[in-house]
Each structure stands twice: as C-alpha cells, then as structure tokens.
C-alpha cells in the first residue's frame, strides 16, 4: 500500500499491486487494474518512488521469512 494525496489534499492509501499506469495529463493520473482512475497531487516521479519503496519492503520481508524457514530446515513451498 502507498499513500498519495488527492487534488483536494485528502490523503488516500492505494494498493500498489493494482497500479497499471501513472501519467502526467498535466495532473498525475493513476490507473488501476479495477478500471478506477485517481488524480493526485504527487508527481509521477514521487508515485514511482513510493511504488519502488513498497516493493523493496515487500521483497525484504519475503527474503527474511525465507531465511527463517531455511534456518529451521523447512522446505520452500
């Protein structure tokens, strides 16, 4: 999940996994796999950075959990 600010300043949390495109039209428009479009104050670069931070965090947690399983001798699923 990432936090963005709508044009009216309202904070919104969206599922980064559902983001299909981010465009500057001139306002930043986020298109979701659900068909919804969200116009935000954040720039395209800021949204991309937030998505990358989210994905890094998810991957770190997966790696940490995998390492714990390996240390216990569990087989990967």
Protein backbone atom coordinates (compact mmCIF):
# COMPACT_ATOMS: atom_id res chain seq x y z
CA UNK A 1 0.00 0.00 0.00
CA UNK A 2 1.19 3.52 -0.75
CA UNK A 3 -0.03 6.91 0.47
CA UNK A 4 -0.86 9.63 -2.05
CA UNK A 5 -2.64 12.97 -1.85
CA UNK A 6 -5.71 13.66 -3.93
CA UNK A 7 -6.06 17.05 -5.63
CA UNK A 8 -8.22 18.28 -2.73
CA UNK A 9 -5.39 17.41 -0.28
CA UNK A 10 -7.12 14.34 1.13
CA UNK A 11 -4.71 11.51 1.93
CA UNK A 12 -5.51 8.23 0.23
CA UNK A 13 -3.91 4.79 0.59
CA UNK A 14 -3.97 2.63 -2.53
CA UNK A 15 -2.85 -0.90 -3.31
CA UNK A 16 0.38 -0.55 -5.29
CA UNK A 17 -0.15 -4.01 -6.77
CA UNK A 18 -3.22 -2.74 -8.65
CA UNK A 19 -1.47 0.20 -10.36
CA UNK A 20 -1.29 -0.26 -14.13
CA UNK A 21 -0.18 3.19 -15.31
CA UNK A 22 0.87 6.57 -13.90
CA UNK A 23 0.57 9.53 -16.27
CA UNK A 24 1.02 13.30 -16.19
CA UNK A 25 -2.01 14.81 -18.00
CA UNK A 26 -0.95 17.51 -16.66
CA UNK A 27 -2.17 16.31 -13.24
CA UNK A 28 -0.83 12.92 -12.20
CA UNK A 29 -3.38 10.23 -13.01
CA UNK A 30 -3.08 6.73 -11.57
CA UNK A 31 -4.95 3.98 -13.45
CA UNK A 32 -5.81 0.84 -11.51
CA UNK A 33 -6.48 -2.69 -12.73
CA UNK A 34 -10.02 -2.25 -11.41
CA UNK A 35 -10.67 0.42 -14.05
CA UNK A 36 -10.63 3.25 -11.49
CA UNK A 37 -8.57 6.37 -12.12
CA UNK A 38 -7.25 8.57 -9.33
CA UNK A 39 -5.93 12.11 -9.87
CA UNK A 40 -3.29 13.02 -7.29
CA UNK A 41 -1.05 15.94 -6.29
CA UNK A 42 2.04 13.70 -6.18
CA UNK A 43 4.26 13.85 -9.27
CA UNK A 44 4.79 10.81 -11.48
CA UNK A 45 8.32 10.51 -10.08
CA UNK A 46 7.04 10.62 -6.49
CA UNK A 47 4.46 7.90 -7.18
CA UNK A 48 7.09 5.71 -8.85
CA UNK A 49 9.43 6.20 -5.89
CA UNK A 50 6.66 5.19 -3.46
CA UNK A 51 5.91 2.08 -5.51
CA UNK A 52 9.61 1.14 -5.55
CA UNK A 53 9.90 1.65 -1.77
CA UNK A 54 6.83 -0.53 -1.24
CA UNK A 55 8.19 -3.31 -3.46
CA UNK A 56 11.58 -3.22 -1.72
CA UNK A 57 9.87 -3.55 1.65
CA UNK A 58 7.77 -6.49 0.44
CA UNK A 59 10.83 -8.24 -1.00
CA UNK A 60 12.82 -7.68 2.21
CA UNK A 61 10.04 -9.30 4.25
CA UNK A 62 9.82 -12.25 1.85
CA UNK A 63 13.58 -12.77 1.98
CA UNK A 64 13.60 -12.52 5.78
CA UNK A 65 10.80 -15.08 6.07
CA UNK A 66 12.51 -17.39 3.56
CA UNK A 67 15.77 -17.18 5.51
CA UNK A 68 13.95 -18.03 8.75
CA UNK A 69 12.39 -21.11 7.12
CA UNK A 70 15.75 -22.21 5.77
CA UNK A 71 17.37 -21.83 9.19
CA UNK A 72 14.67 -24.07 10.68
CA UNK A 73 15.10 -26.60 7.89
CA UNK A 74 11.66 -26.01 6.37
CA UNK A 75 11.23 -26.80 2.70
CA UNK A 76 10.18 -23.92 0.42
CA UNK A 77 6.53 -24.05 -0.69
